[in-house]
């Protein structure tokens, strides 16, 4: 294939450039990255300790050299996305290790370094591979074992080094888990991450002890808050604050117009953000974003009979949603592979590159997806028999074999590679397209 773009990489003094250039060439087959004379004003290959203050960097190979670049250099930010792995924030659940989810334990089994809290069961560390580091960063009696700023630097640097990082937090990380601050530390540098929800201590303290949060004739809902204020003081929310707090409605699809109208009549702004979440946690998950003034019509026109959960409040504003960086940019990748190690590695690779892996089994509904990886003709034939070739036509299709025999009328890219390498190539294809479009 003809290379279409040339990018110069200045080389710092006394630097062996060959390992980094070889790694870049292998990862970006359609782009020529060529060594150039030292120039500390532009992105350049150097020793980690000599990267200019405020610049970003990443390790392209296993040596001590790194590629430093200005934070506003979009080309090298795109290239870096192929060499860093999404940090996994994992909910450890409350107390017993068995309350950590299967997805959470899988993340632990594949990580290189795990930063864990005081509330996470130490038994969860048994899932770590022998190569992994376990670093305690918990808080006891109001005292941090590692200051938050230092922890954020540790996570950012481990990610830049290309290590697979797990941040293990007690309960559910999104409920009083200080998750926002740690996500913002990664977002500041454009680094990818994913969040694995966990079982909250709220569920264990109620359902787990026999106190049901919802029970017909006793309670049809509940509020969750904390007496701790951002200032460090204590105090419970007043009535006005509670009335304006975020609120979630289960089984709300057929009642969205009524809910919105009553909330507005009760004093909430018509412009307040509202989101309907369909199929949360499934391969068909999708969201409809709007406001209290618009969400009723949006849901009525797009619900298609699906059940959903309505979220009202500032957290439903698109601007407040956590983002998904990475080479795959949050794209949903349909993995048409048989169950086994190849599929497991494809799932890990998809997570690493900032994508959402989508698995499908014969007899299941057609999932939501943006990219397709065909790695098995039988799996592909089962999907086509169930949902038709047109179901694949809406996505970018890649295959590890010549797929013309089963997809004669569908444009696809043959990779002829093992599964994990194929995922890296798919990500590189997307990154190279972005670079070419902006060069």
Protein backbone atom coordinates (compact mmCIF):
# COMPACT_ATOMS: atom_id res chain seq x y z
CA UNK A 1 0.00 0.00 0.00
CA UNK A 2 1.35 3.45 -0.89
CA UNK A 3 2.05 5.68 2.07
CA UNK A 4 0.17 8.93 1.69
CA UNK A 5 1.46 11.20 4.44
CA UNK A 6 4.96 12.10 5.64
CA UNK A 7 5.60 13.27 9.20
CA UNK A 8 9.00 14.38 10.41
CA UNK A 9 10.16 13.42 13.90
CA UNK A 10 13.18 15.40 15.13
CA UNK A 11 15.60 13.25 17.12
CA UNK A 12 17.24 14.58 20.26
CA UNK A 13 21.01 14.32 20.75
CA UNK A 14 22.49 10.89 21.58
CA UNK A 15 19.13 9.18 21.06
CA UNK A 16 18.82 5.75 19.42
CA UNK A 17 15.80 6.38 17.21
CA UNK A 18 15.48 2.97 15.58
CA UNK A 19 13.20 1.24 18.18
CA UNK A 20 10.73 4.13 18.24
CA UNK A 21 10.71 4.60 14.47
CA UNK A 22 10.16 0.85 13.99
CA UNK A 23 7.25 0.87 16.45
CA UNK A 24 5.68 3.90 14.77
CA UNK A 25 6.07 2.38 11.31
CA UNK A 26 4.49 -0.90 12.43
CA UNK A 27 1.55 0.93 14.00
CA UNK A 28 0.99 3.43 11.18
CA UNK A 29 1.51 1.51 7.91
CA UNK A 30 0.09 4.26 5.69
CA UNK A 31 2.18 7.10 7.15
CA UNK A 32 5.91 7.69 6.76
CA UNK A 33 7.47 8.97 9.97
CA UNK A 34 11.02 9.99 9.16
CA UNK A 35 13.87 11.07 11.39
CA UNK A 36 14.80 14.74 11.25
CA UNK A 37 17.40 17.02 12.78
CA UNK A 38 16.97 17.89 16.46
CA UNK A 39 14.41 20.64 17.05
CA UNK A 40 13.20 21.15 20.62
CA UNK A 41 10.42 23.49 19.47
CA UNK A 42 8.45 20.71 17.74
CA UNK A 43 7.43 17.18 18.66
CA UNK A 44 10.63 15.19 19.07
CA UNK A 45 12.11 11.94 20.36
CA UNK A 46 13.95 12.54 23.61
CA UNK A 47 14.61 11.29 27.13
CA UNK A 48 11.59 11.47 29.42
CA UNK A 49 13.28 13.83 31.86
CA UNK A 50 13.96 16.41 29.14
CA UNK A 51 10.37 16.87 27.90
CA UNK A 52 9.59 20.61 28.18
CA UNK A 53 7.32 21.65 31.04
CA UNK A 54 3.65 21.61 30.08
CA UNK A 55 4.22 19.34 27.08
CA UNK A 56 2.65 15.92 26.65
CA UNK A 57 4.55 12.71 25.93
CA UNK A 58 4.18 8.98 25.40
CA UNK A 59 6.42 5.93 25.10
CA UNK A 60 6.41 4.35 21.65
CA UNK A 61 8.74 1.47 22.60
CA UNK A 62 10.25 -0.28 25.60
CA UNK A 63 13.35 1.93 25.84
CA UNK A 64 13.72 5.01 28.06
CA UNK A 65 12.99 7.38 25.17
CA UNK A 66 9.64 9.14 24.73
CA UNK A 67 8.01 11.34 22.13
CA UNK A 68 7.36 14.76 23.59
CA UNK A 69 4.95 17.11 21.85
CA UNK A 70 3.04 20.35 22.54
CA UNK A 71 -0.40 19.73 24.00
CA UNK A 72 -2.09 21.44 21.05
CA UNK A 73 -0.43 19.13 18.49
CA UNK A 74 -3.44 17.20 17.24
CA UNK A 75 -1.46 14.92 14.92
CA UNK A 76 0.77 13.56 17.66
CA UNK A 77 -2.18 13.35 20.03
CA UNK A 78 -3.86 11.10 17.47
CA UNK A 79 -0.72 8.98 17.08
CA UNK A 80 -0.36 8.66 20.86
CA UNK A 81 -3.87 7.17 21.04
CA UNK A 82 -2.49 4.01 19.41
CA UNK A 83 0.14 3.53 22.11
CA UNK A 84 -1.78 4.23 25.33
CA UNK A 85 -4.44 2.02 26.90
CA UNK A 86 -7.71 3.20 28.43
CA UNK A 87 -7.54 3.45 32.23
CA UNK A 88 -10.26 1.29 33.83
CA UNK A 89 -12.07 2.73 36.85
CA UNK A 90 -13.54 -0.34 38.51
CA UNK A 91 -16.18 -0.49 41.22
CA UNK A 92 -14.98 -3.02 43.81
CA UNK A 93 -18.42 -3.40 45.36
CA UNK A 94 -19.06 -3.29 49.12
CA UNK A 95 -17.07 -5.53 51.43
CA UNK A 96 -16.82 -9.06 50.07
CA UNK A 97 -14.78 -9.55 46.91
CA UNK A 98 -17.64 -11.50 45.31
CA UNK A 99 -19.61 -8.27 44.98
CA UNK A 100 -17.17 -7.01 42.36
CA UNK A 101 -18.66 -7.58 38.90
CA UNK A 102 -17.37 -10.09 36.36
CA UNK A 103 -16.34 -7.19 34.11
CA UNK A 104 -14.43 -5.70 37.03
CA UNK A 105 -12.52 -8.88 37.79
CA UNK A 106 -11.68 -9.30 34.09
CA UNK A 107 -10.13 -5.83 34.11
CA UNK A 108 -8.03 -6.81 37.13
CA UNK A 109 -6.86 -10.01 35.43
CA UNK A 110 -5.40 -8.05 32.52
CA UNK A 111 -3.87 -5.04 34.24
CA UNK A 112 -0.24 -3.98 34.69
CA UNK A 113 -0.78 -1.70 37.68
CA UNK A 114 -3.68 -1.39 40.13
CA UNK A 115 -4.22 1.61 42.41
CA UNK A 116 -6.66 0.47 45.10
CA UNK A 117 -8.67 2.10 47.88
CA UNK A 118 -9.13 1.24 51.54
CA UNK A 119 -12.73 0.12 50.91
CA UNK A 120 -11.77 -2.42 48.21
CA UNK A 121 -11.47 -6.01 49.43
CA UNK A 122 -7.78 -7.07 49.49
CA UNK A 123 -8.91 -10.43 48.10
CA UNK A 124 -9.59 -8.73 44.78
CA UNK A 125 -5.83 -8.34 44.39
CA UNK A 126 -5.68 -12.12 43.95
CA UNK A 127 -7.06 -11.55 40.43
CA UNK A 128 -3.99 -9.54 39.41
CA UNK A 129 -1.47 -11.26 37.12
CA UNK A 130 1.95 -11.91 38.61
CA UNK A 131 3.50 -9.08 36.58
CA UNK A 132 1.12 -6.44 37.99
CA UNK A 133 1.89 -3.85 40.65
CA UNK A 134 -0.64 -3.28 43.43
CA UNK A 135 -0.32 0.21 44.95
CA UNK A 136 -2.39 1.23 47.96
CA UNK A 137 -3.78 4.77 47.66
CA UNK A 138 -6.58 4.62 50.24
CA UNK A 139 -7.81 7.09 52.83
CA UNK A 140 -8.32 6.33 56.52
CA UNK A 141 -9.35 8.68 59.31
CA UNK A 142 -9.39 11.60 56.88
CA UNK A 143 -5.74 11.05 55.94
CA UNK A 144 -4.66 10.08 52.43
CA UNK A 145 -1.91 7.50 52.04
CA UNK A 146 -1.12 9.19 48.73
CA UNK A 147 -2.14 12.79 48.07
CA UNK A 148 -4.75 13.12 45.33
CA UNK A 149 -2.51 15.25 43.09
CA UNK A 150 0.26 12.66 43.37
CA UNK A 151 -2.14 9.82 42.55
CA UNK A 152 -3.37 11.63 39.46
CA UNK A 153 0.21 12.13 38.24
CA UNK A 154 0.95 8.43 38.84
CA UNK A 155 -2.09 7.35 36.81
CA UNK A 156 -1.39 9.77 33.96
CA UNK A 157 2.26 8.72 33.71
CA UNK A 158 1.47 4.99 33.84
CA UNK A 159 -1.03 5.47 31.02
CA UNK A 160 1.49 7.44 28.94
CA UNK A 161 3.97 4.59 29.43
CA UNK A 162 1.51 2.27 27.68
CA UNK A 163 0.65 0.32 30.83
CA UNK A 164 -2.81 -1.12 31.42
CA UNK A 165 -4.07 0.71 34.52
CA UNK A 166 -6.92 -0.21 36.88
CA UNK A 167 -8.15 2.27 39.47
CA UNK A 168 -10.04 0.11 41.98
CA UNK A 169 -12.57 2.09 44.04
CA UNK A 170 -14.94 0.86 46.73
CA UNK A 171 -18.64 0.35 46.00
CA UNK A 172 -19.78 2.09 42.82
CA UNK A 173 -17.21 4.69 41.74
CA UNK A 174 -19.92 7.06 40.49
CA UNK A 175 -21.66 7.33 43.88
CA UNK A 176 -19.68 9.52 46.31
CA UNK A 177 -16.47 8.04 44.89
CA UNK A 178 -14.71 11.30 43.87
CA UNK A 179 -14.69 9.86 40.36
CA UNK A 180 -15.10 13.21 38.62
CA UNK A 181 -11.80 14.61 39.86
CA UNK A 182 -9.80 11.61 38.69
CA UNK A 183 -11.51 11.52 35.29
CA UNK A 184 -10.74 15.20 34.84
CA UNK A 185 -7.05 14.52 35.47
CA UNK A 186 -7.05 12.16 32.45
CA UNK A 187 -9.27 14.41 30.34
CA UNK A 188 -6.84 17.29 30.92
CA UNK A 189 -4.26 15.33 28.90
CA UNK A 190 -6.73 13.73 26.47
CA UNK A 191 -6.05 10.24 27.83
CA UNK A 192 -8.65 7.47 27.40
CA UNK A 193 -10.57 5.75 30.17
CA UNK A 194 -13.62 3.62 30.84
CA UNK A 195 -15.77 3.15 33.91
CA UNK A 196 -16.96 -0.22 35.19
CA UNK A 197 -19.89 0.41 37.58
CA UNK A 198 -20.02 -1.49 40.84
CA UNK A 199 -22.51 -2.63 43.46
CA UNK A 200 -23.01 0.32 45.81
CA UNK A 201 -22.93 0.02 49.59
CA UNK A 202 -26.35 1.66 49.37
CA UNK A 203 -27.74 -1.57 47.90
CA UNK A 204 -26.05 -3.75 50.50
CA UNK A 205 -27.20 -1.57 53.40
CA UNK A 206 -30.82 -1.75 52.22
CA UNK A 207 -31.68 -4.71 49.98
CA UNK A 208 -28.89 -6.70 51.60
CA UNK A 209 -30.31 -6.20 55.10
CA UNK A 210 -33.98 -6.58 54.26
CA UNK A 211 -34.84 -2.87 54.01
CA UNK A 212 -36.28 -2.57 50.52
CA UNK A 213 -35.88 0.88 49.01
CA UNK A 214 -39.08 0.42 47.01
CA UNK A 215 -41.99 -1.61 48.28
CA UNK A 216 -45.61 -1.40 47.21
CA UNK A 217 -47.65 0.49 49.76
CA UNK A 218 -44.57 1.62 51.71
CA UNK A 219 -42.19 3.48 49.38
CA UNK A 220 -42.21 4.22 45.66
CA UNK A 221 -38.87 6.03 45.60
CA UNK A 222 -35.96 7.29 47.68
CA UNK A 223 -33.35 10.04 47.95
CA UNK A 224 -29.59 9.61 48.38
CA UNK A 225 -27.36 12.41 49.65
CA UNK A 226 -24.49 13.14 52.02
CA UNK A 227 -24.16 15.51 54.99
CA UNK A 228 -20.64 16.49 53.84
CA UNK A 229 -20.28 19.79 52.02
CA UNK A 230 -17.54 20.78 49.58
CA UNK A 231 -16.21 23.19 52.24
CA UNK A 232 -15.67 20.32 54.68
CA UNK A 233 -18.58 21.39 56.85
CA UNK A 234 -21.65 19.24 57.48
CA UNK A 235 -25.33 19.86 56.85
CA UNK A 236 -28.29 18.16 55.28
CA UNK A 237 -29.83 19.55 52.09
CA UNK A 238 -32.73 21.91 52.51
CA UNK A 239 -36.11 21.43 50.93
CA UNK A 240 -35.31 23.72 47.99
CA UNK A 241 -32.06 21.88 47.25
CA UNK A 242 -33.79 18.51 47.39
CA UNK A 243 -36.48 19.76 45.00
CA UNK A 244 -33.80 20.72 42.47
CA UNK A 245 -31.62 17.61 42.90
CA UNK A 246 -31.24 15.15 40.01
CA UNK A 247 -34.11 12.69 39.82
CA UNK A 248 -34.44 9.34 38.05
CA UNK A 249 -37.69 7.76 36.92
CA UNK A 250 -37.95 4.05 36.22
CA UNK A 251 -40.65 2.77 33.83
CA UNK A 252 -41.02 6.31 32.46
CA UNK A 253 -41.35 5.85 28.68
CA UNK A 254 -45.13 6.02 28.47
CA UNK A 255 -45.34 8.83 31.03
CA UNK A 256 -42.59 11.17 29.85
CA UNK A 257 -44.92 14.01 28.81
CA UNK A 258 -46.73 13.88 32.16
CA UNK A 259 -43.51 13.72 34.19
CA UNK A 260 -41.99 16.69 32.37
CA UNK A 261 -45.14 18.80 32.67
CA UNK A 262 -45.49 18.13 36.40
CA UNK A 263 -41.83 18.87 37.10
CA UNK A 264 -42.10 22.19 35.25
CA UNK A 265 -45.30 23.02 37.15
CA UNK A 266 -43.44 22.19 40.37
CA UNK A 267 -40.80 24.82 39.62
CA UNK A 268 -38.14 23.12 37.50
CA UNK A 269 -36.94 25.02 34.44
CA UNK A 270 -38.26 23.91 31.07
CA UNK A 271 -34.64 24.08 29.83
CA UNK A 272 -33.41 21.62 32.46
CA UNK A 273 -31.55 18.70 30.82
CA UNK A 274 -33.35 15.37 30.57
CA UNK A 275 -32.12 12.09 29.09
CA UNK A 276 -33.96 8.84 28.42
CA UNK A 277 -31.67 5.79 28.60
CA UNK A 278 -32.86 2.70 26.76
CA UNK A 279 -31.44 -0.77 27.39
CA UNK A 280 -28.85 0.37 29.95
CA UNK A 281 -25.95 -2.09 30.04
CA UNK A 282 -27.11 -4.06 26.98
CA UNK A 283 -25.72 -4.19 23.47
CA UNK A 284 -28.75 -2.13 22.39
CA UNK A 285 -28.12 0.72 24.86
CA UNK A 286 -28.95 4.16 23.48
CA UNK A 287 -29.79 7.61 24.83
CA UNK A 288 -32.13 10.41 23.84
CA UNK A 289 -30.97 13.81 25.11
CA UNK A 290 -33.28 16.78 25.48
CA UNK A 291 -34.80 19.13 28.01
CA UNK A 292 -37.97 18.94 30.07
CA UNK A 293 -39.61 20.98 27.31
CA UNK A 294 -38.58 18.60 24.51
CA UNK A 295 -37.98 15.15 25.98
CA UNK A 296 -41.64 14.07 25.80
CA UNK A 297 -41.88 14.48 22.02
CA UNK A 298 -38.41 13.03 21.47
CA UNK A 299 -39.22 9.87 23.42
CA UNK A 300 -42.63 9.51 21.79
CA UNK A 301 -41.05 9.65 18.33
CA UNK A 302 -38.06 7.39 19.04
CA UNK A 303 -38.92 4.95 21.83
CA UNK A 304 -40.20 2.16 19.52
CA UNK A 305 -41.75 0.39 22.50
CA UNK A 306 -38.48 0.02 24.41
CA UNK A 307 -38.34 0.36 28.21
CA UNK A 308 -36.24 3.23 29.52
CA UNK A 309 -35.03 5.17 32.52
CA UNK A 310 -35.49 8.95 32.59
CA UNK A 311 -32.74 11.08 34.14
CA UNK A 312 -33.49 14.73 34.94
CA UNK A 313 -30.98 17.30 36.16
CA UNK A 314 -27.57 18.79 35.34
CA UNK A 315 -25.91 15.36 35.19
CA UNK A 316 -28.02 14.66 32.08
CA UNK A 317 -26.46 17.60 30.22
CA UNK A 318 -24.22 16.37 27.40
CA UNK A 319 -21.53 18.80 28.61
CA UNK A 320 -21.35 16.95 31.93
CA UNK A 321 -21.11 13.43 30.52
CA UNK A 322 -17.71 11.83 30.76
CA UNK A 323 -16.03 11.50 27.38
CA UNK A 324 -14.31 8.56 25.72
CA UNK A 325 -11.01 9.39 24.08
CA UNK A 326 -8.73 6.83 22.49
CA UNK A 327 -8.10 5.70 18.96
CA UNK A 328 -11.57 4.14 18.64
CA UNK A 329 -13.25 7.19 20.16
CA UNK A 330 -16.00 5.30 21.96
CA UNK A 331 -17.14 3.47 18.83
CA UNK A 332 -19.10 0.26 19.37
CA UNK A 333 -17.21 -2.62 17.75
CA UNK A 334 -19.21 -5.73 16.82
CA UNK A 335 -16.95 -8.75 17.29
CA UNK A 336 -18.22 -11.65 15.19
CA UNK A 337 -15.97 -14.32 16.66
CA UNK A 338 -16.65 -17.66 18.31
CA UNK A 339 -16.40 -17.83 22.09
CA UNK A 340 -12.82 -18.44 23.20
CA UNK A 341 -9.45 -16.85 23.78
CA UNK A 342 -9.45 -14.91 20.49
CA UNK A 343 -12.71 -13.22 21.47
CA UNK A 344 -11.42 -12.48 24.97
CA UNK A 345 -8.30 -10.81 23.56
CA UNK A 346 -10.38 -8.83 21.06
CA UNK A 347 -12.52 -7.52 23.92
CA UNK A 348 -9.42 -6.44 25.85
CA UNK A 349 -7.90 -4.80 22.76
CA UNK A 350 -11.13 -2.92 22.04
CA UNK A 351 -11.25 -1.60 25.62
CA UNK A 352 -7.56 -0.64 25.44
CA UNK A 353 -8.10 1.43 22.30
CA UNK A 354 -11.07 3.35 23.69
CA UNK A 355 -13.86 1.37 22.06
CA UNK A 356 -16.91 -0.52 23.34
CA UNK A 357 -16.78 -4.25 22.51
CA UNK A 358 -20.10 -5.72 21.37
CA UNK A 359 -20.57 -9.48 21.46
CA UNK A 360 -23.44 -11.25 19.70
CA UNK A 361 -24.81 -14.77 19.89
CA UNK A 362 -27.20 -16.55 17.55
CA UNK A 363 -30.79 -15.78 18.55
CA UNK A 364 -30.05 -12.35 20.06
CA UNK A 365 -31.37 -9.01 18.82
CA UNK A 366 -29.26 -6.95 16.45
CA UNK A 367 -26.99 -4.81 18.63
CA UNK A 368 -25.90 -1.23 18.16
CA UNK A 369 -22.49 -0.96 16.46
CA UNK A 370 -20.30 1.38 14.40
CA UNK A 371 -17.48 -0.98 13.35
CA UNK A 372 -17.52 -4.72 12.57
CA UNK A 373 -14.68 -7.20 12.91
CA UNK A 374 -15.33 -10.47 11.09
CA UNK A 375 -12.95 -13.12 12.39
CA UNK A 376 -15.01 -16.22 11.72
CA UNK A 377 -17.08 -17.04 8.62
CA UNK A 378 -19.56 -19.18 10.57
CA UNK A 379 -20.30 -16.41 13.07
CA UNK A 380 -20.70 -13.92 10.23
CA UNK A 381 -23.10 -16.25 8.39
CA UNK A 382 -25.21 -16.70 11.52
CA UNK A 383 -25.47 -12.93 11.95
CA UNK A 384 -26.38 -12.38 8.30
CA UNK A 385 -28.99 -15.15 8.43
CA UNK A 386 -30.58 -13.51 11.48
CA UNK A 387 -30.39 -9.85 10.53
CA UNK A 388 -29.47 -9.62 6.84
CA UNK A 389 -26.51 -8.09 5.04
CA UNK A 390 -28.09 -4.63 5.29
CA UNK A 391 -27.57 -4.71 9.05
CA UNK A 392 -23.81 -4.58 8.39
CA UNK A 393 -24.01 -1.94 5.66
CA UNK A 394 -24.32 0.89 8.20
CA UNK A 395 -20.86 0.20 9.66
CA UNK A 396 -17.20 0.02 8.67
CA UNK A 397 -16.52 -3.68 8.09
CA UNK A 398 -13.11 -5.32 8.55
CA UNK A 399 -12.31 -9.01 8.27
CA UNK A 400 -9.33 -11.23 9.00
CA UNK A 401 -10.12 -13.31 5.91
CA UNK A 402 -11.38 -12.72 2.37
CA UNK A 403 -15.04 -12.03 3.07
CA UNK A 404 -16.17 -11.67 -0.56
CA UNK A 405 -17.70 -15.15 -0.56
CA UNK A 406 -20.20 -14.26 2.18
CA UNK A 407 -20.42 -10.50 1.59
CA UNK A 408 -20.17 -10.09 -2.21
CA UNK A 409 -22.14 -6.82 -2.27
CA UNK A 410 -20.74 -5.24 0.89
CA UNK A 411 -17.61 -3.14 0.97
CA UNK A 412 -15.15 -4.52 3.53
CA UNK A 413 -11.44 -4.30 4.31
CA UNK A 414 -9.49 -7.56 4.53
CA UNK A 415 -6.74 -7.46 7.15
CA UNK A 416 -5.36 -11.04 7.08
CA UNK A 417 -4.10 -10.71 10.65
CA UNK A 418 -4.63 -12.36 14.04
CA UNK A 419 -7.51 -10.86 16.00
CA UNK A 420 -5.62 -8.61 18.42
CA UNK A 421 -3.39 -7.25 15.66
CA UNK A 422 -6.52 -6.67 13.57
CA UNK A 423 -8.02 -4.47 16.29
CA UNK A 424 -4.85 -2.38 16.35
CA UNK A 425 -5.00 -2.07 12.56
CA UNK A 426 -8.65 -0.96 12.66
CA UNK A 427 -7.74 1.73 15.18
CA UNK A 428 -4.74 2.78 13.07
CA UNK A 429 -7.00 3.01 10.00
CA UNK A 430 -9.30 5.45 11.84
CA UNK A 431 -6.39 7.48 13.21
CA UNK A 432 -4.70 7.71 9.81
CA UNK A 433 -7.95 8.87 8.21
CA UNK A 434 -8.20 11.62 10.84
CA UNK A 435 -4.58 12.69 10.32
CA UNK A 436 -4.98 12.78 6.53
CA UNK A 437 -8.17 14.83 6.78
CA UNK A 438 -6.44 17.45 8.92
CA UNK A 439 -3.03 17.52 7.19
